[in-house]
Amino acid sequence: MPTSLIEGHGRSTGLIDVLDRVLDKGLVVAGDIKVSLAEVELLTIRIRLLICSIDKAEQIGLDWWKYDPHLSPGNKQLSAEKEALKREIRALERRLARQSRGRSNSKVR
């Protein structure tokens, strides 16, 4: 007679098998949400969800995360853009400080 511990282990193995199969083959969930008032469509939301492993996603050509600059931590282009923005902010701050000093000097006179 199996104990509850063995039964629980069997169920988790089944879950692991199902999860492994889903990640290997992929699973697509698709749906639409429509909001209408007096038969006039006001809003449509289309939801598409794909669950699969990274290897499977690359195999079917879904590797957008490789080229997204916000998801690639060592992206040189993003770092260069950040540095350019920092330099521009510093230049604007200096310019603003000069203008505010010029205004305060003109008020004193």
PDB file of N, CA and C in Angstrom:
ATOM      1  N   MET A   1       0.839  -1.175   0.000  1.00  0.00           N
ATOM      2  CA  MET A   1       0.000   0.000   0.000  1.00  0.00           C
ATOM      3  C   MET A   1       0.884   1.238   0.000  1.00  0.00           C
ATOM      4  N   PRO A   2       0.749   2.133  -0.994  1.00  0.00           N
ATOM      5  CA  PRO A   2       1.626   3.292  -1.075  1.00  0.00           C
ATOM      6  C   PRO A   2       1.286   4.320  -0.010  1.00  0.00           C
ATOM      7  N   THR A   3       2.310   4.993   0.468  1.00  0.00           N
ATOM      8  CA  THR A   3       2.100   6.050   1.456  1.00  0.00           C
ATOM      9  C   THR A   3       1.809   7.355   0.730  1.00  0.00           C
ATOM     10  N   SER A   4       1.338   8.345   1.492  1.00  0.00           N
ATOM     11  CA  SER A   4       1.021   9.643   0.885  1.00  0.00           C
ATOM     12  C   SER A   4       2.271  10.314   0.341  1.00  0.00           C
ATOM     13  N   LEU A   5       3.414  10.024   0.945  1.00  0.00           N
ATOM     14  CA  LEU A   5       4.667  10.608   0.469  1.00  0.00           C
ATOM     15  C   LEU A   5       4.987  10.102  -0.941  1.00  0.00           C
ATOM     16  N   ILE A   6       4.781   8.838  -1.173  1.00  0.00           N
ATOM     17  CA  ILE A   6       5.051   8.272  -2.496  1.00  0.00           C
ATOM     18  C   ILE A   6       4.031   8.790  -3.499  1.00  0.00           C
ATOM     19  N   GLU A   7       2.763   8.897  -3.095  1.00  0.00           N
ATOM     20  CA  GLU A   7       1.746   9.423  -4.004  1.00  0.00           C
ATOM     21  C   GLU A   7       2.081  10.857  -4.406  1.00  0.00           C
ATOM     22  N   GLY A   8       2.454  11.667  -3.421  1.00  0.00           N
ATOM     23  CA  GLY A   8       2.821  13.053  -3.721  1.00  0.00           C
ATOM     24  C   GLY A   8       4.002  13.108  -4.669  1.00  0.00           C
ATOM     25  N   HIS A   9       4.958  12.203  -4.477  1.00  0.00           N
ATOM     26  CA  HIS A   9       6.122  12.182  -5.361  1.00  0.00           C
ATOM     27  C   HIS A   9       5.709  11.822  -6.787  1.00  0.00           C
ATOM     28  N   GLY A  10       4.778  10.887  -6.913  1.00  0.00           N
ATOM     29  CA  GLY A  10       4.293  10.494  -8.234  1.00  0.00           C
ATOM     30  C   GLY A  10       3.605  11.647  -8.947  1.00  0.00           C
ATOM     31  N   ARG A  11       2.841  12.437  -8.204  1.00  0.00           N
ATOM     32  CA  ARG A  11       2.152  13.572  -8.793  1.00  0.00           C
ATOM     33  C   ARG A  11       3.144  14.633  -9.240  1.00  0.00           C
ATOM     34  N   SER A  12       4.171  14.887  -8.439  1.00  0.00           N
ATOM     35  CA  SER A  12       5.150  15.900  -8.831  1.00  0.00           C
ATOM     36  C   SER A  12       5.945  15.441 -10.053  1.00  0.00           C
ATOM     37  N   THR A  13       6.211  14.141 -10.151  1.00  0.00           N
ATOM     38  CA  THR A  13       6.881  13.635 -11.337  1.00  0.00           C
ATOM     39  C   THR A  13       6.001  13.842 -12.552  1.00  0.00           C
ATOM     40  N   GLY A  14       4.696  13.606 -12.398  1.00  0.00           N
ATOM     41  CA  GLY A  14       3.760  13.842 -13.497  1.00  0.00           C
ATOM     42  C   GLY A  14       3.749  15.306 -13.900  1.00  0.00           C
ATOM     43  N   LEU A  15       3.775  16.198 -12.918  1.00  0.00           N
ATOM     44  CA  LEU A  15       3.794  17.624 -13.194  1.00  0.00           C
ATOM     45  C   LEU A  15       5.086  18.012 -13.912  1.00  0.00           C
ATOM     46  N   ILE A  16       6.188  17.440 -13.485  1.00  0.00           N
ATOM     47  CA  ILE A  16       7.472  17.722 -14.139  1.00  0.00           C
ATOM     48  C   ILE A  16       7.447  17.239 -15.583  1.00  0.00           C
ATOM     49  N   ASP A  17       6.866  16.067 -15.815  1.00  0.00           N
ATOM     50  CA  ASP A  17       6.759  15.555 -17.188  1.00  0.00           C
ATOM     51  C   ASP A  17       5.909  16.471 -18.054  1.00  0.00           C
ATOM     52  N   VAL A  18       4.781  16.934 -17.502  1.00  0.00           N
ATOM     53  CA  VAL A  18       3.895  17.834 -18.259  1.00  0.00           C
ATOM     54  C   VAL A  18       4.618  19.143 -18.549  1.00  0.00           C
ATOM     55  N   LEU A  19       5.273  19.706 -17.544  1.00  0.00           N
ATOM     56  CA  LEU A  19       6.008  20.954 -17.722  1.00  0.00           C
ATOM     57  C   LEU A  19       7.129  20.798 -18.740  1.00  0.00           C
ATOM     58  N   ASP A  20       7.843  19.685 -18.675  1.00  0.00           N
ATOM     59  CA  ASP A  20       8.916  19.423 -19.637  1.00  0.00           C
ATOM     60  C   ASP A  20       8.364  19.333 -21.056  1.00  0.00           C
ATOM     61  N   ARG A  21       7.236  18.682 -21.212  1.00  0.00           N
ATOM     62  CA  ARG A  21       6.628  18.537 -22.526  1.00  0.00           C
ATOM     63  C   ARG A  21       6.134  19.889 -23.055  1.00  0.00           C
ATOM     64  N   VAL A  22       5.512  20.693 -22.173  1.00  0.00           N
ATOM     65  CA  VAL A  22       5.016  22.012 -22.587  1.00  0.00           C
ATOM     66  C   VAL A  22       6.176  22.897 -23.008  1.00  0.00           C
ATOM     67  N   LEU A  23       7.252  22.897 -22.223  1.00  0.00           N
ATOM     68  CA  LEU A  23       8.395  23.742 -22.560  1.00  0.00           C
ATOM     69  C   LEU A  23       9.084  23.265 -23.830  1.00  0.00           C
ATOM     70  N   ASP A  24       9.093  21.960 -24.066  1.00  0.00           N
ATOM     71  CA  ASP A  24       9.736  21.418 -25.258  1.00  0.00           C
ATOM     72  C   ASP A  24       8.909  21.697 -26.507  1.00  0.00           C
ATOM     73  N   LYS A  25       7.615  21.481 -26.440  1.00  0.00           N
ATOM     74  CA  LYS A  25       6.750  21.651 -27.607  1.00  0.00           C
ATOM     75  C   LYS A  25       6.211  23.074 -27.721  1.00  0.00           C
ATOM     76  N   GLY A  26       5.908  23.687 -26.597  1.00  0.00           N
ATOM     77  CA  GLY A  26       5.341  25.021 -26.587  1.00  0.00           C
ATOM     78  C   GLY A  26       3.845  24.969 -26.344  1.00  0.00           C
ATOM     79  N   LEU A  27       3.329  26.061 -25.838  1.00  0.00           N
ATOM     80  CA  LEU A  27       1.911  26.173 -25.553  1.00  0.00           C
ATOM     81  C   LEU A  27       1.493  27.588 -25.916  1.00  0.00           C
ATOM     82  N   VAL A  28       0.433  27.707 -26.678  1.00  0.00           N
ATOM     83  CA  VAL A  28      -0.056  29.021 -27.088  1.00  0.00           C
ATOM     84  C   VAL A  28      -1.446  29.223 -26.497  1.00  0.00           C
ATOM     85  N   VAL A  29      -1.623  30.364 -25.853  1.00  0.00           N
ATOM     86  CA  VAL A  29      -2.929  30.755 -25.335  1.00  0.00           C
ATOM     87  C   VAL A  29      -3.278  32.062 -26.028  1.00  0.00           C
ATOM     88  N   ALA A  30      -4.429  32.101 -26.664  1.00  0.00           N
ATOM     89  CA  ALA A  30      -4.834  33.304 -27.398  1.00  0.00           C
ATOM     90  C   ALA A  30      -6.250  33.680 -26.988  1.00  0.00           C
ATOM     91  N   GLY A  31      -6.484  34.974 -26.904  1.00  0.00           N
ATOM     92  CA  GLY A  31      -7.824  35.419 -26.554  1.00  0.00           C
ATOM     93  C   GLY A  31      -8.013  36.882 -26.878  1.00  0.00           C
ATOM     94  N   ASP A  32      -9.254  37.287 -27.002  1.00  0.00           N
ATOM     95  CA  ASP A  32      -9.604  38.688 -27.262  1.00  0.00           C
ATOM     96  C   ASP A  32     -10.581  39.143 -26.197  1.00  0.00           C
ATOM     97  N   ILE A  33     -10.404  40.364 -25.756  1.00  0.00           N
ATOM     98  CA  ILE A  33     -11.332  40.998 -24.829  1.00  0.00           C
ATOM     99  C   ILE A  33     -11.892  42.207 -25.551  1.00  0.00           C
ATOM    100  N   LYS A  34     -13.194  42.266 -25.659  1.00  0.00           N
ATOM    101  CA  LYS A  34     -13.840  43.395 -26.336  1.00  0.00           C
ATOM    102  C   LYS A  34     -14.812  44.069 -25.381  1.00  0.00           C
ATOM    103  N   VAL A  35     -14.738  45.379 -25.339  1.00  0.00           N
ATOM    104  CA  VAL A  35     -15.653  46.169 -24.521  1.00  0.00           C
ATOM    105  C   VAL A  35     -16.534  46.961 -25.479  1.00  0.00           C
ATOM    106  N   SER A  36     -17.833  46.756 -25.361  1.00  0.00           N
ATOM    107  CA  SER A  36     -18.788  47.425 -26.250  1.00  0.00           C
ATOM    108  C   SER A  36     -19.870  48.089 -25.425  1.00  0.00           C
ATOM    109  N   LEU A  37     -20.399  49.146 -25.965  1.00  0.00           N
ATOM    110  CA  LEU A  37     -21.519  49.850 -25.349  1.00  0.00           C
ATOM    111  C   LEU A  37     -22.524  50.141 -26.454  1.00  0.00           C
ATOM    112  N   ALA A  38     -23.740  49.645 -26.314  1.00  0.00           N
ATOM    113  CA  ALA A  38     -24.803  49.821 -27.307  1.00  0.00           C
ATOM    114  C   ALA A  38     -24.337  49.371 -28.689  1.00  0.00           C
ATOM    115  N   GLU A  39     -23.705  48.203 -28.716  1.00  0.00           N
ATOM    116  CA  GLU A  39     -23.201  47.593 -29.944  1.00  0.00           C
ATOM    117  C   GLU A  39     -22.142  48.417 -30.662  1.00  0.00           C
ATOM    118  N   VAL A  40     -21.492  49.321 -29.914  1.00  0.00           N
ATOM    119  CA  VAL A  40     -20.363  50.092 -30.453  1.00  0.00           C
ATOM    120  C   VAL A  40     -19.116  49.625 -29.706  1.00  0.00           C
ATOM    121  N   GLU A  41     -18.181  49.093 -30.452  1.00  0.00           N
ATOM    122  CA  GLU A  41     -16.961  48.579 -29.838  1.00  0.00           C
ATOM    123  C   GLU A  41     -16.086  49.739 -29.378  1.00  0.00           C
ATOM    124  N   LEU A  42     -15.805  49.776 -28.084  1.00  0.00           N
ATOM    125  CA  LEU A  42     -15.004  50.850 -27.511  1.00  0.00           C
ATOM    126  C   LEU A  42     -13.537  50.473 -27.354  1.00  0.00           C
ATOM    127  N   LEU A  43     -13.292  49.205 -27.036  1.00  0.00           N
ATOM    128  CA  LEU A  43     -11.929  48.778 -26.740  1.00  0.00           C
ATOM    129  C   LEU A  43     -11.770  47.313 -27.094  1.00  0.00           C
ATOM    130  N   THR A  44     -10.654  46.980 -27.717  1.00  0.00           N
ATOM    131  CA  THR A  44     -10.312  45.589 -27.998  1.00  0.00           C
ATOM    132  C   THR A  44      -8.905  45.331 -27.499  1.00  0.00           C
ATOM    133  N   ILE A  45      -8.758  44.291 -26.718  1.00  0.00           N
ATOM    134  CA  ILE A  45      -7.437  43.886 -26.225  1.00  0.00           C
ATOM    135  C   ILE A  45      -7.196  42.474 -26.739  1.00  0.00           C
ATOM    136  N   ARG A  46      -6.107  42.304 -27.452  1.00  0.00           N
ATOM    137  CA  ARG A  46      -5.748  40.980 -27.958  1.00  0.00           C
ATOM    138  C   ARG A  46      -4.601  40.440 -27.128  1.00  0.00           C
ATOM    139  N   ILE A  47      -4.796  39.269 -26.604  1.00  0.00           N
ATOM    140  CA  ILE A  47      -3.801  38.655 -25.738  1.00  0.00           C
ATOM    141  C   ILE A  47      -3.270  37.406 -26.416  1.00  0.00           C
ATOM    142  N   ARG A  48      -1.981  37.341 -26.554  1.00  0.00           N
ATOM    143  CA  ARG A  48      -1.321  36.161 -27.110  1.00  0.00           C
ATOM    144  C   ARG A  48      -0.203  35.782 -26.142  1.00  0.00           C
ATOM    145  N   LEU A  49      -0.197  34.557 -25.686  1.00  0.00           N
ATOM    146  CA  LEU A  49       0.785  34.090 -24.733  1.00  0.00           C
ATOM    147  C   LEU A  49       1.432  32.826 -25.271  1.00  0.00           C
ATOM    148  N   LEU A  50       2.735  32.821 -25.327  1.00  0.00           N
ATOM    149  CA  LEU A  50       3.474  31.652 -25.785  1.00  0.00           C
ATOM    150  C   LEU A  50       4.366  31.202 -24.640  1.00  0.00           C
ATOM    151  N   ILE A  51       4.216  29.966 -24.246  1.00  0.00           N
ATOM    152  CA  ILE A  51       5.045  29.398 -23.184  1.00  0.00           C
ATOM    153  C   ILE A  51       5.891  28.306 -23.808  1.00  0.00           C
ATOM    154  N   CYS A  52       7.202  28.483 -23.746  1.00  0.00           N
ATOM    155  CA  CYS A  52       8.121  27.467 -24.250  1.00  0.00           C
ATOM    156  C   CYS A  52       9.500  27.734 -23.669  1.00  0.00           C
ATOM    157  N   SER A  53      10.408  26.830 -23.914  1.00  0.00           N
ATOM    158  CA  SER A  53      11.781  27.013 -23.430  1.00  0.00           C
ATOM    159  C   SER A  53      12.503  28.015 -24.322  1.00  0.00           C
ATOM    160  N   ILE A  54      13.599  28.548 -23.827  1.00  0.00           N
ATOM    161  CA  ILE A  54      14.392  29.495 -24.611  1.00  0.00           C
ATOM    162  C   ILE A  54      14.931  28.817 -25.868  1.00  0.00           C
ATOM    163  N   ASP A  55      15.340  27.569 -25.733  1.00  0.00           N
ATOM    164  CA  ASP A  55      15.846  26.839 -26.903  1.00  0.00           C
ATOM    165  C   ASP A  55      14.772  26.709 -27.984  1.00  0.00           C
ATOM    166  N   LYS A  56      13.555  26.391 -27.561  1.00  0.00           N
ATOM    167  CA  LYS A  56      12.453  26.248 -28.523  1.00  0.00           C
ATOM    168  C   LYS A  56      12.119  27.600 -29.148  1.00  0.00           C
ATOM    169  N   ALA A  57      12.130  28.661 -28.341  1.00  0.00           N
ATOM    170  CA  ALA A  57      11.840  30.000 -28.869  1.00  0.00           C
ATOM    171  C   ALA A  57      12.870  30.387 -29.927  1.00  0.00           C
ATOM    172  N   GLU A  58      14.140  30.132 -29.654  1.00  0.00           N
ATOM    173  CA  GLU A  58      15.179  30.434 -30.646  1.00  0.00           C
ATOM    174  C   GLU A  58      15.000  29.590 -31.896  1.00  0.00           C
ATOM    175  N   GLN A  59      14.607  28.342 -31.706  1.00  0.00           N
ATOM    176  CA  GLN A  59      14.419  27.429 -32.834  1.00  0.00           C
ATOM    177  C   GLN A  59      13.317  27.923 -33.766  1.00  0.00           C
ATOM    178  N   ILE A  60      12.262  28.520 -33.214  1.00  0.00           N
ATOM    179  CA  ILE A  60      11.165  28.992 -34.062  1.00  0.00           C
ATOM    180  C   ILE A  60      11.308  30.469 -34.427  1.00  0.00           C
ATOM    181  N   GLY A  61      12.447  31.055 -34.065  1.00  0.00           N
ATOM    182  CA  GLY A  61      12.741  32.420 -34.503  1.00  0.00           C
ATOM    183  C   GLY A  61      12.258  33.517 -33.575  1.00  0.00           C
ATOM    184  N   LEU A  62      11.921  33.178 -32.346  1.00  0.00           N
ATOM    185  CA  LEU A  62      11.493  34.187 -31.375  1.00  0.00           C
ATOM    186  C   LEU A  62      12.647  34.475 -30.420  1.00  0.00           C
ATOM    187  N   ASP A  63      13.594  35.274 -30.868  1.00  0.00           N
ATOM    188  CA  ASP A  63      14.739  35.605 -30.016  1.00  0.00           C
ATOM    189  C   ASP A  63      14.898  37.116 -29.895  1.00  0.00           C
ATOM    190  N   TRP A  64      13.773  37.803 -29.735  1.00  0.00           N
ATOM    191  CA  TRP A  64      13.761  39.263 -29.679  1.00  0.00           C
ATOM    192  C   TRP A  64      14.530  39.793 -28.481  1.00  0.00           C
ATOM    193  N   TRP A  65      14.624  39.041 -27.404  1.00  0.00           N
ATOM    194  CA  TRP A  65      15.309  39.531 -26.206  1.00  0.00           C
ATOM    195  C   TRP A  65      16.806  39.726 -26.436  1.00  0.00           C
ATOM    196  N   LYS A  66      17.351  39.068 -27.446  1.00  0.00           N
ATOM    197  CA  LYS A  66      18.783  39.234 -27.746  1.00  0.00           C
ATOM    198  C   LYS A  66      19.079  40.627 -28.281  1.00  0.00           C
ATOM    199  N   TYR A  67      18.103  41.232 -28.947  1.00  0.00           N
ATOM    200  CA  TYR A  67      18.334  42.498 -29.632  1.00  0.00           C
ATOM    201  C   TYR A  67      17.659  43.677 -28.936  1.00  0.00           C
ATOM    202  N   ASP A  68      16.941  43.420 -27.844  1.00  0.00           N
ATOM    203  CA  ASP A  68      16.290  44.496 -27.095  1.00  0.00           C
ATOM    204  C   ASP A  68      17.331  45.157 -26.200  1.00  0.00           C
ATOM    205  N   PRO A  69      17.628  46.432 -26.425  1.00  0.00           N
ATOM    206  CA  PRO A  69      18.692  47.076 -25.650  1.00  0.00           C
ATOM    207  C   PRO A  69      18.380  47.173 -24.163  1.00  0.00           C
ATOM    208  N   HIS A  70      17.122  47.129 -23.792  1.00  0.00           N
ATOM    209  CA  HIS A  70      16.766  47.232 -22.384  1.00  0.00           C
ATOM    210  C   HIS A  70      16.883  45.894 -21.657  1.00  0.00           C
ATOM    211  N   LEU A  71      16.975  44.802 -22.391  1.00  0.00           N
ATOM    212  CA  LEU A  71      17.100  43.482 -21.779  1.00  0.00           C
ATOM    213  C   LEU A  71      18.507  42.922 -21.855  1.00  0.00           C
ATOM    214  N   SER A  72      19.388  43.558 -22.621  1.00  0.00           N
ATOM    215  CA  SER A  72      20.767  43.107 -22.746  1.00  0.00           C
ATOM    216  C   SER A  72      21.636  43.962 -21.822  1.00  0.00           C
ATOM    217  N   PRO A  73      22.085  43.409 -20.697  1.00  0.00           N
ATOM    218  CA  PRO A  73      22.781  44.222 -19.701  1.00  0.00           C
ATOM    219  C   PRO A  73      24.091  44.826 -20.181  1.00  0.00           C
ATOM    220  N   GLY A  74      24.821  44.162 -21.028  1.00  0.00           N
ATOM    221  CA  GLY A  74      26.111  44.665 -21.468  1.00  0.00           C
ATOM    222  C   GLY A  74      26.062  45.360 -22.810  1.00  0.00           C
ATOM    223  N   ASN A  75      24.921  45.823 -23.211  1.00  0.00           N
ATOM    224  CA  ASN A  75      24.753  46.427 -24.524  1.00  0.00           C
ATOM    225  C   ASN A  75      25.547  47.726 -24.618  1.00  0.00           C
ATOM    226  N   LYS A  76      26.508  47.779 -25.522  1.00  0.00           N
ATOM    227  CA  LYS A  76      27.368  48.951 -25.671  1.00  0.00           C
ATOM    228  C   LYS A  76      26.607  50.144 -26.233  1.00  0.00           C
ATOM    229  N   GLN A  77      25.658  49.892 -27.120  1.00  0.00           N
ATOM    230  CA  GLN A  77      24.888  50.986 -27.718  1.00  0.00           C
ATOM    231  C   GLN A  77      24.079  51.702 -26.644  1.00  0.00           C
ATOM    232  N   LEU A  78      23.451  50.943 -25.756  1.00  0.00           N
ATOM    233  CA  LEU A  78      22.661  51.539 -24.686  1.00  0.00           C
ATOM    234  C   LEU A  78      23.566  52.322 -23.743  1.00  0.00           C
ATOM    235  N   SER A  79      24.736  51.789 -23.426  1.00  0.00           N
ATOM    236  CA  SER A  79      25.677  52.493 -22.553  1.00  0.00           C
ATOM    237  C   SER A  79      26.128  53.793 -23.191  1.00  0.00           C
ATOM    238  N   ALA A  80      26.388  53.784 -24.481  1.00  0.00           N
ATOM    239  CA  ALA A  80      26.798  54.998 -25.185  1.00  0.00           C
ATOM    240  C   ALA A  80      25.674  56.028 -25.173  1.00  0.00           C
ATOM    241  N   GLU A  81      24.433  55.565 -25.352  1.00  0.00           N
ATOM    242  CA  GLU A  81      23.286  56.478 -25.306  1.00  0.00           C
ATOM    243  C   GLU A  81      23.144  57.092 -23.919  1.00  0.00           C
ATOM    244  N   LYS A  82      23.330  56.294 -22.881  1.00  0.00           N
ATOM    245  CA  LYS A  82      23.236  56.805 -21.510  1.00  0.00           C
ATOM    246  C   LYS A  82      24.296  57.867 -21.259  1.00  0.00           C
ATOM    247  N   GLU A  83      25.516  57.604 -21.698  1.00  0.00           N
ATOM    248  CA  GLU A  83      26.603  58.567 -21.500  1.00  0.00           C
ATOM    249  C   GLU A  83      26.321  59.862 -22.252  1.00  0.00           C
ATOM    250  N   ALA A  84      25.809  59.757 -23.473  1.00  0.00           N
ATOM    251  CA  ALA A  84      25.477  60.958 -24.248  1.00  0.00           C
ATOM    252  C   ALA A  84      24.386  61.758 -23.551  1.00  0.00           C
ATOM    253  N   LEU A  85      23.395  61.079 -23.017  1.00  0.00           N
ATOM    254  CA  LEU A  85      22.330  61.771 -22.292  1.00  0.00           C
ATOM    255  C   LEU A  85      22.856  62.429 -21.023  1.00  0.00           C
ATOM    256  N   LYS A  86      23.761  61.765 -20.321  1.00  0.00           N
ATOM    257  CA  LYS A  86      24.354  62.353 -19.115  1.00  0.00           C
ATOM    258  C   LYS A  86      25.122  63.622 -19.458  1.00  0.00           C
ATOM    259  N   ARG A  87      25.895  63.576 -20.559  1.00  0.00           N
ATOM    260  CA  ARG A  87      26.648  64.776 -20.977  1.00  0.00           C
ATOM    261  C   ARG A  87      25.700  65.917 -21.336  1.00  0.00           C
ATOM    262  N   GLU A  88      24.623  65.578 -22.018  1.00  0.00           N
ATOM    263  CA  GLU A  88      23.654  66.601 -22.403  1.00  0.00           C
ATOM    264  C   GLU A  88      22.980  67.210 -21.174  1.00  0.00           C
ATOM    265  N   ILE A  89      22.656  66.389 -20.193  1.00  0.00           N
ATOM    266  CA  ILE A  89      22.045  66.892 -18.963  1.00  0.00           C
ATOM    267  C   ILE A  89      23.004  67.814 -18.229  1.00  0.00           C
ATOM    268  N   ARG A  90      24.285  67.425 -18.141  1.00  0.00           N
ATOM    269  CA  ARG A  90      25.280  68.285 -17.482  1.00  0.00           C
ATOM    270  C   ARG A  90      25.407  69.619 -18.194  1.00  0.00           C
ATOM    271  N   ALA A  91      25.414  69.604 -19.517  1.00  0.00           N
ATOM    272  CA  ALA A  91      25.522  70.848 -20.290  1.00  0.00           C
ATOM    273  C   ALA A  91      24.300  71.732 -20.045  1.00  0.00           C
ATOM    274  N   LEU A  92      23.117  71.142 -20.005  1.00  0.00           N
ATOM    275  CA  LEU A  92      21.901  71.909 -19.741  1.00  0.00           C
ATOM    276  C   LEU A  92      21.894  72.480 -18.327  1.00  0.00           C
ATOM    277  N   GLU A  93      22.399  71.710 -17.368  1.00  0.00           N
ATOM    278  CA  GLU A  93      22.475  72.204 -15.990  1.00  0.00           C
ATOM    279  C   GLU A  93      23.428  73.395 -15.895  1.00  0.00           C
ATOM    280  N   ARG A  94      24.586  73.301 -16.577  1.00  0.00           N
ATOM    281  CA  ARG A  94      25.538  74.429 -16.562  1.00  0.00           C
ATOM    282  C   ARG A  94      24.913  75.657 -17.202  1.00  0.00           C
ATOM    283  N   ARG A  95      24.227  75.457 -18.313  1.00  0.00           N
ATOM    284  CA  ARG A  95      23.581  76.568 -19.011  1.00  0.00           C
ATOM    285  C   ARG A  95      22.505  77.219 -18.137  1.00  0.00           C
ATOM    286  N   LEU A  96      21.724  76.414 -17.463  1.00  0.00           N
ATOM    287  CA  LEU A  96      20.687  76.915 -16.576  1.00  0.00           C
ATOM    288  C   LEU A  96      21.300  77.681 -15.399  1.00  0.00           C
ATOM    289  N   ALA A  97      22.396  77.157 -14.862  1.00  0.00           N
ATOM    290  CA  ALA A  97      23.068  77.838 -13.756  1.00  0.00           C
ATOM    291  C   ALA A  97      23.600  79.198 -14.211  1.00  0.00           C
ATOM    292  N   ARG A  98      24.172  79.273 -15.409  1.00  0.00           N
ATOM    293  CA  ARG A  98      24.670  80.556 -15.931  1.00  0.00           C
ATOM    294  C   ARG A  98      23.530  81.546 -16.110  1.00  0.00           C
ATOM    295  N   GLN A  99      22.407  81.063 -16.634  1.00  0.00           N
ATOM    296  CA  GLN A  99      21.257  81.952 -16.847  1.00  0.00           C
ATOM    297  C   GLN A  99      20.693  82.446 -15.517  1.00  0.00           C
ATOM    298  N   SER A 100      20.614  81.585 -14.533  1.00  0.00           N
ATOM    299  CA  SER A 100      20.069  82.015 -13.243  1.00  0.00           C
ATOM    300  C   SER A 100      21.029  82.981 -12.548  1.00  0.00           C
ATOM    301  N   ARG A 101      22.358  82.787 -12.714  1.00  0.00           N
ATOM    302  CA  ARG A 101      23.328  83.739 -12.167  1.00  0.00           C
ATOM    303  C   ARG A 101      23.215  85.080 -12.858  1.00  0.00           C
ATOM    304  N   GLY A 102      23.005  85.062 -14.166  1.00  0.00           N
ATOM    305  CA  GLY A 102      22.855  86.312 -14.930  1.00  0.00           C
ATOM    306  C   GLY A 102      21.614  87.073 -14.490  1.00  0.00           C
ATOM    307  N   ARG A 103      20.551  86.392 -14.221  1.00  0.00           N
ATOM    308  CA  ARG A 103      19.320  87.045 -13.767  1.00  0.00           C
ATOM    309  C   ARG A 103      19.494  87.633 -12.362  1.00  0.00           C
ATOM    310  N   SER A 104      20.166  86.907 -11.477  1.00  0.00           N
ATOM    311  CA  SER A 104      20.343  87.414 -10.117  1.00  0.00           C
ATOM    312  C   SER A 104      21.291  88.625 -10.124  1.00  0.00           C
ATOM    313  N   ASN A 105      22.290  88.644 -11.025  1.00  0.00           N
ATOM    314  CA  ASN A 105      23.203  89.792 -11.116  1.00  0.00           C
ATOM    315  C   ASN A 105      22.466  91.013 -11.660  1.00  0.00           C
ATOM    316  N   SER A 106      21.553  90.823 -12.600  1.00  0.00           N
ATOM    317  CA  SER A 106      20.825  91.957 -13.176  1.00  0.00           C
ATOM    318  C   SER A 106      19.821  92.545 -12.167  1.00  0.00           C
ATOM    319  N   LYS A 107      19.296  91.745 -11.225  1.00  0.00           N
ATOM    320  CA  LYS A 107      18.379  92.231 -10.221  1.00  0.00           C
ATOM    321  C   LYS A 107      19.112  93.093  -9.183  1.00  0.00           C
ATOM    322  N   VAL A 108      20.382  92.743  -8.920  1.00  0.00           N
ATOM    323  CA  VAL A 108      21.162  93.470  -7.920  1.00  0.00           C
ATOM    324  C   VAL A 108      21.476  94.860  -8.410  1.00  0.00           C
ATOM    325  N   ARG A 109      21.688  95.058  -9.660  1.00  0.00           N
ATOM    326  CA  ARG A 109      22.077  96.355 -10.219  1.00  0.00           C
ATOM    327  C   ARG A 109      20.944  97.264 -10.215  1.00  0.00           C
TER     328      ARG A 109
END
